[in-house]
Amino acid sequence: MRLYLTIAALSSLLGIPAAAQRPSPEDQQHTLDTAREIAIHYTSKLPDFVCTEQVERTDRTSQTNIKVDRLTIQLTYFGQKEKQKLVAMNGSKTQQTLESLDGLITGGEFGSLLLGVFDPSPAADFQWKESSTIRKRPANVYTFRIARANSHYMLGHRAADGKMVEAAAGYHGEVTLDKETGRVLRLTASADDIPKDSGIFQSSVEVDYDFVDVAGHSYLLPSHSTSHMERKYRQIANVVNFVDYRKFEVDSSIDFGAPKQ
């Protein structure tokens, strides 16, 4: 996944003691192997679809200087590739491109983040944490950590010459796995071992996945995400809701809604 900062100049416990809920090492390994298999093949099993990203961005440079804007983005998933198109800002149509915006841009919720955590090559260190429930579904929570040398977590910022500069960071977080199916219901990731020359002090993301109907079939897809990034004198946060999933058609379009009063 990629998290860009562009600058212009949980759960409730089940009603028994946690120690008694700990799965056996064999069960833990089976759960993680199942989750890995699903993550590796996740994108190949998704249909072609279109959805709307409703993004609220908060940009704080001081206690009193806080900017909030709202973006409407059309996300198209076709041929196992996702494409984002900015269609409205604060309820008004825009021709501006997403890449030209100042602020935080995120991507990778549709598979890249999952694959980065469960790809066997990074050799993530998983540890069982607790049993929980999420949206009334029994689940197990595992922590993980991936070293920078093996990381797919890319941080980027725009340099003075306007070019995007990227660097990998280590990261750690939690995955909440459905107890019945092994599917990821929630994933959190926080960067660590961040390259000092990036100028980024902190970066994190959390994604919730839920079952969504697309053309009469149920798929586990992102429903909500939050992300946060800090640089010196600047804190930026995005809250994203993924709505209006539907089958991709050549003439698929988006209704960006009326401007908020």
Protein backbone atom coordinates (compact mmCIF):
# COMPACT_ATOMS: atom_id res chain seq x y z
CA MET A 1 0.00 0.00 0.00
CA ARG A 2 1.04 3.65 -0.30
CA LEU A 3 0.50 6.61 1.99
CA TYR A 4 1.45 9.98 0.53
CA LEU A 5 1.83 13.33 2.23
CA THR A 6 2.12 15.98 -0.47
CA ILE A 7 3.32 19.43 0.61
CA ALA A 8 3.25 22.28 -1.84
CA ALA A 9 6.68 24.64 -1.11
CA LEU A 10 -12.18 -2.44 19.57
CA SER A 11 -13.63 -4.86 20.34
CA SER A 12 -15.57 -6.41 23.26
CA LEU A 13 -14.27 -9.55 25.02
CA LEU A 14 -16.25 -12.76 25.10
CA GLY A 15 -17.71 -13.65 28.47
CA ILE A 16 -14.97 -16.07 29.61
CA PRO A 17 -11.40 -15.44 30.78
CA ALA A 18 -8.99 -14.59 27.96
CA ALA A 19 -6.51 -17.27 29.02
CA ALA A 20 -9.16 -19.96 28.51
CA GLN A 21 -9.84 -18.70 24.97
CA ARG A 22 -6.31 -19.02 23.65
CA PRO A 23 -6.30 -21.35 20.64
CA SER A 24 -3.76 -24.14 20.55
CA PRO A 25 -0.57 -23.48 18.54
CA GLU A 26 -1.93 -25.82 15.86
CA ASP A 27 -5.23 -23.92 15.66
CA GLN A 28 -3.39 -20.59 15.53
CA GLN A 29 -1.22 -21.78 12.67
CA HIS A 30 -4.26 -23.14 10.81
CA THR A 31 -6.07 -19.81 11.20
CA LEU A 32 -3.08 -17.82 9.96
CA ASP A 33 -2.50 -20.19 7.04
CA THR A 34 -6.16 -19.83 6.05
CA ALA A 35 -5.98 -16.02 6.30
CA ARG A 36 -2.78 -16.01 4.22
CA GLU A 37 -4.31 -18.16 1.49
CA ILE A 38 -7.34 -15.86 1.31
CA ALA A 39 -5.18 -12.71 1.23
CA ILE A 40 -2.91 -14.04 -1.52
CA HIS A 41 -5.89 -14.78 -3.79
CA TYR A 42 -8.11 -11.94 -2.56
CA THR A 43 -7.90 -9.63 -5.57
CA SER A 44 -8.25 -12.43 -8.12
CA LYS A 45 -11.61 -13.41 -6.64
CA LEU A 46 -13.11 -9.91 -6.60
CA PRO A 47 -15.60 -8.94 -9.33
CA ASP A 48 -15.22 -5.86 -11.51
CA PHE A 49 -17.03 -3.12 -9.61
CA VAL A 50 -17.41 0.59 -8.99
CA CYS A 51 -17.87 2.25 -5.61
CA THR A 52 -17.81 5.70 -4.09
CA GLU A 53 -15.26 6.88 -1.56
CA GLN A 54 -16.58 9.61 0.73
CA VAL A 55 -13.47 11.20 2.23
CA GLU A 56 -13.29 13.74 5.04
CA ARG A 57 -9.82 15.23 5.40
CA THR A 58 -8.58 17.17 8.40
CA ASP A 59 -5.38 19.20 8.11
CA ARG A 60 -4.05 20.74 11.33
CA THR A 61 -1.02 23.01 11.37
CA SER A 62 -1.74 24.51 14.80
CA GLN A 63 -4.41 24.43 17.51
CA THR A 64 -6.38 27.13 15.70
CA ASN A 65 -5.43 26.53 12.05
CA ILE A 66 -7.53 23.51 11.07
CA LYS A 67 -8.74 22.87 7.53
CA VAL A 68 -11.46 20.35 6.74
CA ASP A 69 -12.53 19.34 3.26
CA ARG A 70 -14.67 16.60 1.76
CA LEU A 71 -13.81 14.65 -1.37
CA THR A 72 -15.95 12.39 -3.50
CA ILE A 73 -13.88 9.81 -5.35
CA GLN A 74 -15.05 7.25 -7.89
CA LEU A 75 -13.12 4.03 -7.42
CA THR A 76 -13.18 1.56 -10.29
CA TYR A 77 -11.91 -1.99 -9.84
CA PHE A 78 -11.47 -3.59 -13.26
CA GLY A 79 -9.11 -6.36 -14.39
CA GLN A 80 -7.74 -6.67 -10.82
CA LYS A 81 -6.60 -3.06 -10.86
CA GLU A 82 -8.06 -0.14 -8.95
CA LYS A 83 -8.35 3.37 -10.31
CA GLN A 84 -9.38 6.45 -8.36
CA LYS A 85 -10.90 9.54 -9.91
CA LEU A 86 -11.70 12.72 -8.00
CA VAL A 87 -15.15 13.92 -9.07
CA ALA A 88 -16.15 16.46 -6.40
CA MET A 89 -14.74 18.64 -3.63
CA ASN A 90 -17.03 19.89 -0.89
CA GLY A 91 -20.05 18.87 -2.95
CA SER A 92 -19.05 20.69 -6.15
CA LYS A 93 -17.82 19.05 -9.34
CA THR A 94 -14.13 19.40 -10.06
CA GLN A 95 -11.73 18.74 -12.91
CA GLN A 96 -8.77 18.69 -10.54
CA THR A 97 -6.86 15.42 -10.35
CA LEU A 98 -6.41 13.49 -7.12
CA GLU A 99 -2.63 13.46 -7.60
CA SER A 100 -2.50 17.27 -7.68
CA LEU A 101 -4.05 17.71 -4.24
CA ASP A 102 -2.06 18.86 -1.26
CA GLY A 103 -2.55 16.53 1.71
CA LEU A 104 -2.81 12.85 2.49
CA ILE A 105 -3.64 10.31 -0.21
CA THR A 106 -4.10 6.64 0.67
CA GLY A 107 -4.51 3.50 -1.38
CA GLY A 108 -4.18 -0.24 -1.11
CA GLU A 109 -7.30 -1.06 0.88
CA PHE A 110 -8.38 -3.45 -1.88
CA GLY A 111 -5.79 -6.15 -1.46
CA SER A 112 -2.35 -4.53 -1.27
CA LEU A 113 -2.50 -3.95 2.47
CA LEU A 114 -3.69 -7.52 3.09
CA LEU A 115 -1.03 -9.00 0.82
CA GLY A 116 1.68 -6.90 2.43
CA VAL A 117 0.85 -8.37 5.84
CA PHE A 118 0.27 -11.98 4.77
CA ASP A 119 2.78 -12.34 1.94
CA PRO A 120 5.11 -15.18 3.09
CA SER A 121 8.24 -13.33 1.90
CA PRO A 122 8.13 -10.53 4.55
CA ALA A 123 7.89 -13.21 7.27
CA ALA A 124 5.60 -11.21 9.56
CA ASP A 125 5.84 -12.13 13.23
CA PHE A 126 2.27 -12.97 14.37
CA GLN A 127 1.23 -13.32 18.00
CA TRP A 128 -2.23 -14.24 19.27
CA LYS A 129 -3.63 -11.42 21.42
CA GLU A 130 -7.26 -12.12 22.37
CA SER A 131 -10.67 -13.37 21.37
CA SER A 132 -13.23 -10.72 20.51
CA THR A 133 -16.42 -10.00 18.62
CA ILE A 134 -16.77 -7.54 15.76
CA ARG A 135 -20.15 -6.72 14.24
CA LYS A 136 -21.53 -9.69 16.23
CA ARG A 137 -19.06 -12.13 14.63
CA PRO A 138 -16.68 -14.13 16.89
CA ALA A 139 -13.09 -13.36 16.01
CA ASN A 140 -9.47 -13.77 17.04
CA VAL A 141 -7.06 -10.85 17.19
CA TYR A 142 -3.38 -11.27 16.27
CA THR A 143 -0.61 -8.71 16.49
CA PHE A 144 2.05 -8.58 13.79
CA ARG A 145 5.33 -6.85 13.06
CA ILE A 146 7.26 -6.54 9.78
CA ALA A 147 10.80 -5.18 9.60
CA ARG A 148 11.63 -2.34 7.23
CA ALA A 149 13.91 -4.58 5.16
CA ASN A 150 10.91 -6.80 4.32
CA SER A 151 8.24 -4.11 4.22
CA HIS A 152 5.71 -3.15 1.53
CA TYR A 153 4.59 -0.14 3.61
CA MET A 154 5.63 2.84 1.48
CA LEU A 155 5.72 6.41 2.74
CA GLY A 156 6.04 9.28 0.32
CA HIS A 157 6.30 13.03 0.23
CA ARG A 158 6.70 15.60 -2.51
CA ALA A 159 10.19 17.08 -2.69
CA ALA A 160 10.99 20.72 -3.42
CA ASP A 161 11.36 19.90 -7.15
CA GLY A 162 7.82 18.50 -7.19
CA LYS A 163 8.84 14.87 -7.54
CA MET A 164 7.36 12.19 -5.27
CA VAL A 165 9.95 10.54 -3.07
CA GLU A 166 9.13 7.13 -1.60
CA ALA A 167 10.73 5.03 1.10
CA ALA A 168 9.75 1.85 2.93
CA ALA A 169 9.12 1.84 6.68
CA GLY A 170 8.77 -1.03 9.08
CA TYR A 171 5.31 -1.46 10.55
CA HIS A 172 3.26 -3.26 13.15
CA GLY A 173 -0.42 -3.65 13.93
CA GLU A 174 -3.30 -6.03 14.48
CA VAL A 175 -5.48 -8.26 12.32
CA THR A 176 -8.92 -9.32 13.48
CA LEU A 177 -9.82 -12.65 11.86
CA ASP A 178 -13.31 -14.11 11.61
CA LYS A 179 -13.26 -17.22 13.80
CA GLU A 180 -15.37 -19.24 11.37
CA THR A 181 -13.80 -18.34 8.01
CA GLY A 182 -10.37 -16.87 8.83
CA ARG A 183 -11.18 -13.76 6.80
CA VAL A 184 -9.85 -10.37 7.86
CA LEU A 185 -12.55 -8.19 9.42
CA ARG A 186 -10.24 -5.40 10.59
CA LEU A 187 -6.61 -4.51 9.97
CA THR A 188 -4.53 -1.81 11.62
CA ALA A 189 -0.99 -0.79 10.70
CA SER A 190 1.39 1.77 12.20
CA ALA A 191 4.73 2.66 10.69
CA ASP A 192 7.93 2.32 12.69
CA ASP A 193 11.61 2.57 11.82
CA ILE A 194 10.66 5.46 9.50
CA PRO A 195 13.55 6.86 7.40
CA LYS A 196 14.60 10.13 9.02
CA ASP A 197 15.04 11.95 5.71
CA SER A 198 11.33 11.45 4.94
CA GLY A 199 10.40 14.12 7.48
CA ILE A 200 7.48 11.92 8.57
CA PHE A 201 7.13 11.30 12.30
CA GLN A 202 4.09 9.01 12.36
CA SER A 203 1.82 7.17 9.93
CA SER A 204 -1.03 4.76 10.59
CA VAL A 205 -4.08 3.25 8.91
CA GLU A 206 -7.06 1.15 10.01
CA VAL A 207 -9.44 -0.61 7.61
CA ASP A 208 -12.73 -2.34 8.39
CA TYR A 209 -14.02 -5.01 6.01
CA ASP A 210 -17.66 -6.08 5.74
CA PHE A 211 -19.78 -8.28 3.50
CA VAL A 212 -21.23 -6.31 0.58
CA ASP A 213 -23.63 -7.39 -2.16
CA VAL A 214 -22.33 -6.85 -5.70
CA ALA A 215 -24.57 -8.09 -8.52
CA GLY A 216 -26.28 -10.63 -6.27
CA HIS A 217 -23.15 -12.07 -4.68
CA SER A 218 -21.63 -11.32 -1.27
CA TYR A 219 -18.00 -10.18 -1.04
CA LEU A 220 -15.85 -9.03 1.86
CA LEU A 221 -14.86 -5.47 0.93
CA PRO A 222 -13.58 -2.34 2.68
CA SER A 223 -16.38 -0.43 4.37
CA HIS A 224 -14.49 2.20 6.38
CA SER A 225 -10.94 3.37 6.90
CA THR A 226 -9.05 5.97 8.89
CA SER A 227 -5.50 7.14 8.32
CA HIS A 228 -3.20 9.61 10.03
CA MET A 229 0.16 11.15 9.27
CA GLU A 230 2.36 13.60 11.12
CA ARG A 231 5.17 15.84 10.01
CA LYS A 232 6.76 18.75 11.85
CA TYR A 233 4.02 21.29 12.62
CA ARG A 234 1.44 19.33 10.62
CA GLN A 235 -1.07 16.58 11.37
CA ILE A 236 -3.33 15.17 8.68
CA ALA A 237 -6.14 12.64 9.05
CA ASN A 238 -8.52 11.03 6.55
CA VAL A 239 -11.79 9.26 7.29
CA VAL A 240 -13.14 7.25 4.35
CA ASN A 241 -16.48 5.50 3.88
CA PHE A 242 -16.81 3.11 0.93
CA VAL A 243 -20.41 3.12 -0.30
CA ASP A 244 -22.63 2.34 -3.29
CA TYR A 245 -20.81 -0.79 -4.48
CA ARG A 246 -22.14 -1.98 -7.82
CA LYS A 247 -21.10 -4.05 -10.81
CA PHE A 248 -18.76 -2.31 -13.23
CA GLU A 249 -20.42 -1.30 -16.48
CA VAL A 250 -18.93 0.67 -19.34
CA ASP A 251 -21.31 3.54 -18.61
CA SER A 252 -20.96 3.43 -14.82
CA SER A 253 -21.26 6.88 -13.31
CA ILE A 254 -21.31 8.54 -9.94
CA ASP A 255 -23.70 10.92 -8.17
CA PHE A 256 -21.61 13.23 -6.03
CA GLY A 257 -24.63 14.66 -4.22
CA ALA A 258 -25.72 18.16 -3.40
CA PRO A 259 -23.32 20.55 -1.64
CA LYS A 260 -23.64 20.52 2.14
CA GLN A 261 -25.10 23.69 3.60
